[in-house]
Amino acid sequence: MRILIAEDDLTSRTVLVGVLKKEGYEVTAAVNGVEAWQALQQPDPPALAILDWMMPEMNGLEVVYRVRALPTDRPPYLIMLTCKGDKADIIAGLDAGANDYLAKPFHVGELRARVRVGRRLVEVETALAAKIEELRQAFDQIKTLRGIVPICASCKQIRDDRGYWNQVEVYVRDHTEAQFSHGICPDCIKKLYPDFERDRASQRKVP
């Protein structure tokens, strides 16, 4: 999992990057809020970000506000890093959209634990998003079969979206996961194999 570290203090940033790389994470570092905001706007942004509250050009709280305003179904997990110990400040960060916070000076064990919590939540959301996509695709297939299907009144072939005519089983196979086992109905047996049907009828009359 990729993690973004946004911290203007070189010492804190170095410690954060070092600890998380040892944990096996891919880490991207930003030195101010603008760099962090740019990184989180990318098409494939880091799944988790640790944002220092007090940064030049744009503070961490503003970054949180902007990230939460982005239209996305995969929002990043945001941890505020702050020396602000006032409860009102912590509440303000959480109300802005931060998922968690870590007070400076931070304990390395607490850092690891809070990041693990974020990773687990990200993994759950990723799995849920995959299931939702599966359901969406299944629903699209259902809608395809519930719509108006153009079928020939004579030969019973079906016209697809590209204008080609297909046998019914071909159309259904391509639009669903249905599989066919072929047989012949009684009416078609009488029509196509009249001799066979007469033989069967005569056998039934034999005492």
C-alpha atoms as a PDB file:
ATOM      1  CA  MET A   1       0.000   0.000   0.000  1.00  0.00           C
ATOM      2  CA  ARG A   2       1.231   3.507  -0.846  1.00  0.00           C
ATOM      3  CA  ILE A   3       1.315   6.138   1.879  1.00  0.00           C
ATOM      4  CA  LEU A   4       1.756   9.880   1.514  1.00  0.00           C
ATOM      5  CA  ILE A   5       3.726  11.754   4.195  1.00  0.00           C
ATOM      6  CA  ALA A   6       3.179  15.524   4.209  1.00  0.00           C
ATOM      7  CA  GLU A   7       5.526  17.104   6.746  1.00  0.00           C
ATOM      8  CA  ASP A   8       7.628  20.267   6.411  1.00  0.00           C
ATOM      9  CA  ASP A   9       9.957  19.394   9.294  1.00  0.00           C
ATOM     10  CA  LEU A  10      12.896  17.399   7.895  1.00  0.00           C
ATOM     11  CA  THR A  11      13.527  15.392  11.077  1.00  0.00           C
ATOM     12  CA  SER A  12       9.905  14.317  11.514  1.00  0.00           C
ATOM     13  CA  ARG A  13       9.546  13.548   7.818  1.00  0.00           C
ATOM     14  CA  THR A  14      12.716  11.419   7.820  1.00  0.00           C
ATOM     15  CA  VAL A  15      11.538   9.419  10.845  1.00  0.00           C
ATOM     16  CA  LEU A  16       8.069   8.873   9.372  1.00  0.00           C
ATOM     17  CA  VAL A  17       9.415   7.739   6.015  1.00  0.00           C
ATOM     18  CA  GLY A  18      11.988   5.431   7.627  1.00  0.00           C
ATOM     19  CA  VAL A  19       9.522   3.739  10.000  1.00  0.00           C
ATOM     20  CA  LEU A  20       6.901   3.143   7.320  1.00  0.00           C
ATOM     21  CA  LYS A  21       9.374   1.847   4.744  1.00  0.00           C
ATOM     22  CA  LYS A  22      10.602  -0.682   7.309  1.00  0.00           C
ATOM     23  CA  GLU A  23       6.969  -1.785   7.665  1.00  0.00           C
ATOM     24  CA  GLY A  24       6.917  -2.540   3.941  1.00  0.00           C
ATOM     25  CA  TYR A  25       4.922   0.445   2.702  1.00  0.00           C
ATOM     26  CA  GLU A  26       5.670   2.418  -0.445  1.00  0.00           C
ATOM     27  CA  VAL A  27       6.109   5.990   0.799  1.00  0.00           C
ATOM     28  CA  THR A  28       5.780   9.311  -1.039  1.00  0.00           C
ATOM     29  CA  ALA A  29       6.942  12.461   0.767  1.00  0.00           C
ATOM     30  CA  ALA A  30       5.670  16.041   0.429  1.00  0.00           C
ATOM     31  CA  VAL A  31       7.194  19.102   2.121  1.00  0.00           C
ATOM     32  CA  ASN A  32       4.086  21.312   2.137  1.00  0.00           C
ATOM     33  CA  GLY A  33       0.334  21.237   1.767  1.00  0.00           C
ATOM     34  CA  VAL A  34       0.315  22.144  -1.927  1.00  0.00           C
ATOM     35  CA  GLU A  35       2.494  19.145  -2.809  1.00  0.00           C
ATOM     36  CA  ALA A  36       0.267  16.918  -0.704  1.00  0.00           C
ATOM     37  CA  TRP A  37      -2.872  18.232  -2.387  1.00  0.00           C
ATOM     38  CA  GLN A  38      -1.359  17.662  -5.835  1.00  0.00           C
ATOM     39  CA  ALA A  39      -0.391  14.081  -4.944  1.00  0.00           C
ATOM     40  CA  LEU A  40      -3.901  13.299  -3.690  1.00  0.00           C
ATOM     41  CA  GLN A  41      -5.488  14.584  -6.911  1.00  0.00           C
ATOM     42  CA  GLN A  42      -3.673  12.067  -9.094  1.00  0.00           C
ATOM     43  CA  PRO A  43      -5.713   9.370 -10.902  1.00  0.00           C
ATOM     44  CA  ASP A  44      -4.224   6.697  -8.619  1.00  0.00           C
ATOM     45  CA  PRO A  45      -3.516   8.542  -5.347  1.00  0.00           C
ATOM     46  CA  PRO A  46      -1.981   7.005  -2.210  1.00  0.00           C
ATOM     47  CA  ALA A  47      -4.549   5.044  -0.217  1.00  0.00           C
ATOM     48  CA  LEU A  48      -3.432   6.574   3.093  1.00  0.00           C
ATOM     49  CA  ALA A  49      -1.984   9.979   3.951  1.00  0.00           C
ATOM     50  CA  ILE A  50      -0.377  11.381   7.095  1.00  0.00           C
ATOM     51  CA  LEU A  51      -0.755  15.168   7.023  1.00  0.00           C
ATOM     52  CA  ASP A  52       0.968  17.605   9.332  1.00  0.00           C
ATOM     53  CA  TRP A  53      -1.464  20.234  10.545  1.00  0.00           C
ATOM     54  CA  MET A  54       0.942  23.183  10.367  1.00  0.00           C
ATOM     55  CA  MET A  55       2.550  23.361   6.903  1.00  0.00           C
ATOM     56  CA  PRO A  56       3.551  26.248   4.614  1.00  0.00           C
ATOM     57  CA  GLU A  57       1.468  27.270   1.576  1.00  0.00           C
ATOM     58  CA  MET A  58      -1.489  25.110   2.652  1.00  0.00           C
ATOM     59  CA  ASN A  59      -2.087  23.596   6.065  1.00  0.00           C
ATOM     60  CA  GLY A  60      -3.178  20.030   6.676  1.00  0.00           C
ATOM     61  CA  LEU A  61      -6.728  20.978   7.615  1.00  0.00           C
ATOM     62  CA  GLU A  62      -7.241  22.700   4.259  1.00  0.00           C
ATOM     63  CA  VAL A  63      -5.858  19.649   2.462  1.00  0.00           C
ATOM     64  CA  VAL A  64      -8.385  17.463   4.281  1.00  0.00           C
ATOM     65  CA  TYR A  65     -11.267  19.772   3.307  1.00  0.00           C
ATOM     66  CA  ARG A  66     -10.221  19.700  -0.353  1.00  0.00           C
ATOM     67  CA  VAL A  67      -9.681  15.952  -0.498  1.00  0.00           C
ATOM     68  CA  ARG A  68     -13.082  15.248   1.009  1.00  0.00           C
ATOM     69  CA  ALA A  69     -14.684  17.466  -1.648  1.00  0.00           C
ATOM     70  CA  LEU A  70     -13.271  15.294  -4.449  1.00  0.00           C
ATOM     71  CA  PRO A  71     -15.819  13.042  -6.217  1.00  0.00           C
ATOM     72  CA  THR A  72     -14.398   9.551  -5.696  1.00  0.00           C
ATOM     73  CA  ASP A  73     -15.567   6.116  -4.595  1.00  0.00           C
ATOM     74  CA  ARG A  74     -12.115   5.324  -3.140  1.00  0.00           C
ATOM     75  CA  PRO A  75     -11.398   8.117  -0.615  1.00  0.00           C
ATOM     76  CA  PRO A  76      -7.992   7.984   1.087  1.00  0.00           C
ATOM     77  CA  TYR A  77      -7.606   7.329   4.796  1.00  0.00           C
ATOM     78  CA  LEU A  78      -6.336  10.572   6.366  1.00  0.00           C
ATOM     79  CA  ILE A  79      -4.354  10.856   9.605  1.00  0.00           C
ATOM     80  CA  MET A  80      -3.691  14.339  11.002  1.00  0.00           C
ATOM     81  CA  LEU A  81      -0.285  14.822  12.613  1.00  0.00           C
ATOM     82  CA  THR A  82      -0.451  17.682  15.085  1.00  0.00           C
ATOM     83  CA  CYS A  83       1.153  19.252  18.129  1.00  0.00           C
ATOM     84  CA  LYS A  84      -2.224  20.833  18.902  1.00  0.00           C
ATOM     85  CA  GLY A  85      -3.444  19.132  22.053  1.00  0.00           C
ATOM     86  CA  ASP A  86      -6.615  21.130  22.468  1.00  0.00           C
ATOM     87  CA  LYS A  87      -9.723  18.962  22.137  1.00  0.00           C
ATOM     88  CA  ALA A  88     -11.415  21.622  20.018  1.00  0.00           C
ATOM     89  CA  ASP A  89      -8.607  21.397  17.439  1.00  0.00           C
ATOM     90  CA  ILE A  90      -8.805  17.606  17.344  1.00  0.00           C
ATOM     91  CA  ILE A  91     -12.578  17.785  16.878  1.00  0.00           C
ATOM     92  CA  ALA A  92     -12.107  20.339  14.088  1.00  0.00           C
ATOM     93  CA  GLY A  93      -9.747  17.987  12.255  1.00  0.00           C
ATOM     94  CA  LEU A  94     -12.103  15.027  12.565  1.00  0.00           C
ATOM     95  CA  ASP A  95     -15.092  17.136  11.544  1.00  0.00           C
ATOM     96  CA  ALA A  96     -13.181  18.280   8.448  1.00  0.00           C
ATOM     97  CA  GLY A  97     -12.930  14.660   7.342  1.00  0.00           C
ATOM     98  CA  ALA A  98      -9.786  13.261   8.940  1.00  0.00           C
ATOM     99  CA  ASN A  99     -10.114   9.610   9.945  1.00  0.00           C
ATOM    100  CA  ASP A 100      -7.631   9.738  12.812  1.00  0.00           C
ATOM    101  CA  TYR A 101      -4.946  11.903  14.420  1.00  0.00           C
ATOM    102  CA  LEU A 102      -1.511  11.452  15.905  1.00  0.00           C
ATOM    103  CA  ALA A 103      -0.073  13.904  18.425  1.00  0.00           C
ATOM    104  CA  LYS A 104       3.495  15.212  18.258  1.00  0.00           C
ATOM    105  CA  PRO A 105       5.917  14.084  19.486  1.00  0.00           C
ATOM    106  CA  PHE A 106       4.564  10.741  18.334  1.00  0.00           C
ATOM    107  CA  HIS A 107       5.434   7.302  19.631  1.00  0.00           C
ATOM    108  CA  VAL A 108       6.684   4.960  16.890  1.00  0.00           C
ATOM    109  CA  GLY A 109       4.554   2.075  18.171  1.00  0.00           C
ATOM    110  CA  GLU A 110       1.438   4.245  18.133  1.00  0.00           C
ATOM    111  CA  LEU A 111       2.280   5.377  14.592  1.00  0.00           C
ATOM    112  CA  ARG A 112       2.517   1.770  13.403  1.00  0.00           C
ATOM    113  CA  ALA A 113      -0.742   0.833  15.170  1.00  0.00           C
ATOM    114  CA  ARG A 114      -2.746   3.723  13.732  1.00  0.00           C
ATOM    115  CA  VAL A 115      -1.435   3.080  10.226  1.00  0.00           C
ATOM    116  CA  ARG A 116      -2.404  -0.596  10.537  1.00  0.00           C
ATOM    117  CA  VAL A 117      -5.928   0.429  11.480  1.00  0.00           C
ATOM    118  CA  GLY A 118      -6.056   2.616   8.380  1.00  0.00           C
ATOM    119  CA  ARG A 119      -4.666  -0.155   6.189  1.00  0.00           C
ATOM    120  CA  ARG A 120      -7.328  -2.603   7.389  1.00  0.00           C
ATOM    121  CA  LEU A 121     -10.086  -0.111   6.639  1.00  0.00           C
ATOM    122  CA  VAL A 122      -8.653   0.592   3.181  1.00  0.00           C
ATOM    123  CA  GLU A 123      -8.521  -3.147   2.447  1.00  0.00           C
ATOM    124  CA  VAL A 124     -12.150  -3.570   3.527  1.00  0.00           C
ATOM    125  CA  GLU A 125     -13.255  -0.646   1.343  1.00  0.00           C
ATOM    126  CA  THR A 126     -11.278  -2.028  -1.617  1.00  0.00           C
ATOM    127  CA  ALA A 127     -12.943  -5.431  -1.278  1.00  0.00           C
ATOM    128  CA  LEU A 128     -16.358  -3.779  -0.949  1.00  0.00           C
ATOM    129  CA  ALA A 129     -15.748  -1.666  -4.064  1.00  0.00           C
ATOM    130  CA  ALA A 130     -14.852  -4.830  -6.010  1.00  0.00           C
ATOM    131  CA  LYS A 131     -18.102  -6.512  -4.888  1.00  0.00           C
ATOM    132  CA  ILE A 132     -20.114  -3.442  -5.858  1.00  0.00           C
ATOM    133  CA  GLU A 133     -18.538  -3.512  -9.324  1.00  0.00           C
ATOM    134  CA  GLU A 134     -19.419  -7.196  -9.692  1.00  0.00           C
ATOM    135  CA  LEU A 135     -23.023  -6.427  -8.740  1.00  0.00           C
ATOM    136  CA  ARG A 136     -23.112  -3.516 -11.188  1.00  0.00           C
ATOM    137  CA  GLN A 137     -21.966  -5.741 -14.034  1.00  0.00           C
ATOM    138  CA  ALA A 138     -24.502  -8.392 -13.095  1.00  0.00           C
ATOM    139  CA  PHE A 139     -27.259  -5.778 -12.979  1.00  0.00           C
ATOM    140  CA  ASP A 140     -26.222  -4.500 -16.424  1.00  0.00           C
ATOM    141  CA  GLN A 141     -26.633  -8.027 -17.774  1.00  0.00           C
ATOM    142  CA  ILE A 142     -30.054  -8.324 -16.177  1.00  0.00           C
ATOM    143  CA  LYS A 143     -31.106  -4.986 -17.660  1.00  0.00           C
ATOM    144  CA  THR A 144     -29.975  -6.165 -21.101  1.00  0.00           C
ATOM    145  CA  LEU A 145     -32.382  -9.092 -20.981  1.00  0.00           C
ATOM    146  CA  ARG A 146     -35.204  -7.061 -19.471  1.00  0.00           C
ATOM    147  CA  GLY A 147     -35.145  -4.514 -22.289  1.00  0.00           C
ATOM    148  CA  ILE A 148     -36.869  -4.716 -25.661  1.00  0.00           C
ATOM    149  CA  VAL A 149     -35.230  -7.541 -27.655  1.00  0.00           C
ATOM    150  CA  PRO A 150     -35.722  -7.317 -31.459  1.00  0.00           C
ATOM    151  CA  ILE A 151     -36.628 -10.829 -32.641  1.00  0.00           C
ATOM    152  CA  CYS A 152     -37.572 -12.022 -36.124  1.00  0.00           C
ATOM    153  CA  ALA A 153     -41.191 -13.146 -36.215  1.00  0.00           C
ATOM    154  CA  SER A 154     -40.334 -15.867 -38.737  1.00  0.00           C
ATOM    155  CA  CYS A 155     -36.963 -17.460 -37.926  1.00  0.00           C
ATOM    156  CA  LYS A 156     -36.801 -16.212 -34.289  1.00  0.00           C
ATOM    157  CA  GLN A 157     -33.262 -14.828 -34.630  1.00  0.00           C
ATOM    158  CA  ILE A 158     -32.364 -11.834 -32.423  1.00  0.00           C
ATOM    159  CA  ARG A 159     -30.693  -8.631 -33.613  1.00  0.00           C
ATOM    160  CA  ASP A 160     -27.805  -7.468 -31.401  1.00  0.00           C
ATOM    161  CA  ASP A 161     -26.640  -3.913 -30.705  1.00  0.00           C
ATOM    162  CA  ARG A 162     -24.389  -3.941 -33.798  1.00  0.00           C
ATOM    163  CA  GLY A 163     -27.233  -4.884 -36.117  1.00  0.00           C
ATOM    164  CA  TYR A 164     -26.240  -8.524 -36.611  1.00  0.00           C
ATOM    165  CA  TRP A 165     -28.796 -11.321 -36.382  1.00  0.00           C
ATOM    166  CA  ASN A 166     -27.981 -14.225 -34.058  1.00  0.00           C
ATOM    167  CA  GLN A 167     -29.609 -17.440 -32.989  1.00  0.00           C
ATOM    168  CA  VAL A 168     -31.435 -17.117 -29.676  1.00  0.00           C
ATOM    169  CA  GLU A 169     -28.926 -19.294 -27.845  1.00  0.00           C
ATOM    170  CA  VAL A 170     -25.999 -17.248 -29.177  1.00  0.00           C
ATOM    171  CA  TYR A 171     -27.560 -13.982 -28.027  1.00  0.00           C
ATOM    172  CA  VAL A 172     -28.400 -15.315 -24.567  1.00  0.00           C
ATOM    173  CA  ARG A 173     -24.940 -16.892 -24.221  1.00  0.00           C
ATOM    174  CA  ASP A 174     -23.207 -13.594 -25.042  1.00  0.00           C
ATOM    175  CA  HIS A 175     -25.358 -11.555 -22.665  1.00  0.00           C
ATOM    176  CA  THR A 176     -25.572 -13.916 -19.698  1.00  0.00           C
ATOM    177  CA  GLU A 177     -23.712 -16.782 -18.105  1.00  0.00           C
ATOM    178  CA  ALA A 178     -26.387 -19.280 -19.194  1.00  0.00           C
ATOM    179  CA  GLN A 179     -25.323 -22.524 -20.878  1.00  0.00           C
ATOM    180  CA  PHE A 180     -27.471 -24.615 -23.204  1.00  0.00           C
ATOM    181  CA  SER A 181     -28.085 -28.352 -23.454  1.00  0.00           C
ATOM    182  CA  HIS A 182     -29.860 -29.109 -26.713  1.00  0.00           C
ATOM    183  CA  GLY A 183     -32.832 -31.394 -27.182  1.00  0.00           C
ATOM    184  CA  ILE A 184     -35.959 -31.646 -29.322  1.00  0.00           C
ATOM    185  CA  CYS A 185     -39.440 -30.852 -28.079  1.00  0.00           C
ATOM    186  CA  PRO A 186     -42.395 -33.181 -28.857  1.00  0.00           C
ATOM    187  CA  ASP A 187     -43.884 -30.814 -31.453  1.00  0.00           C
ATOM    188  CA  CYS A 188     -40.613 -30.668 -33.398  1.00  0.00           C
ATOM    189  CA  ILE A 189     -40.254 -34.459 -33.272  1.00  0.00           C
ATOM    190  CA  LYS A 190     -43.683 -34.806 -34.910  1.00  0.00           C
ATOM    191  CA  LYS A 191     -42.793 -32.230 -37.555  1.00  0.00           C
ATOM    192  CA  LEU A 192     -39.225 -33.328 -38.355  1.00  0.00           C
ATOM    193  CA  TYR A 193     -39.401 -37.076 -37.695  1.00  0.00           C
ATOM    194  CA  PRO A 194     -42.954 -38.231 -38.460  1.00  0.00           C
ATOM    195  CA  ASP A 195     -41.836 -41.835 -39.063  1.00  0.00           C
ATOM    196  CA  PHE A 196     -40.208 -41.989 -35.651  1.00  0.00           C
ATOM    197  CA  GLU A 197     -43.320 -40.635 -34.002  1.00  0.00           C
ATOM    198  CA  ARG A 198     -45.551 -43.171 -35.825  1.00  0.00           C
ATOM    199  CA  ASP A 199     -43.274 -46.014 -34.731  1.00  0.00           C
ATOM    200  CA  ARG A 200     -43.516 -44.887 -31.148  1.00  0.00           C
ATOM    201  CA  ALA A 201     -47.305 -44.671 -31.390  1.00  0.00           C
ATOM    202  CA  SER A 202     -47.566 -48.174 -32.872  1.00  0.00           C
ATOM    203  CA  GLN A 203     -45.339 -49.598 -30.157  1.00  0.00           C
ATOM    204  CA  ARG A 204     -47.638 -48.162 -27.523  1.00  0.00           C
ATOM    205  CA  LYS A 205     -50.613 -49.958 -29.131  1.00  0.00           C
ATOM    206  CA  VAL A 206     -48.927 -53.369 -29.108  1.00  0.00           C
ATOM    207  CA  PRO A 207     -50.530 -55.494 -26.307  1.00  0.00           C
END
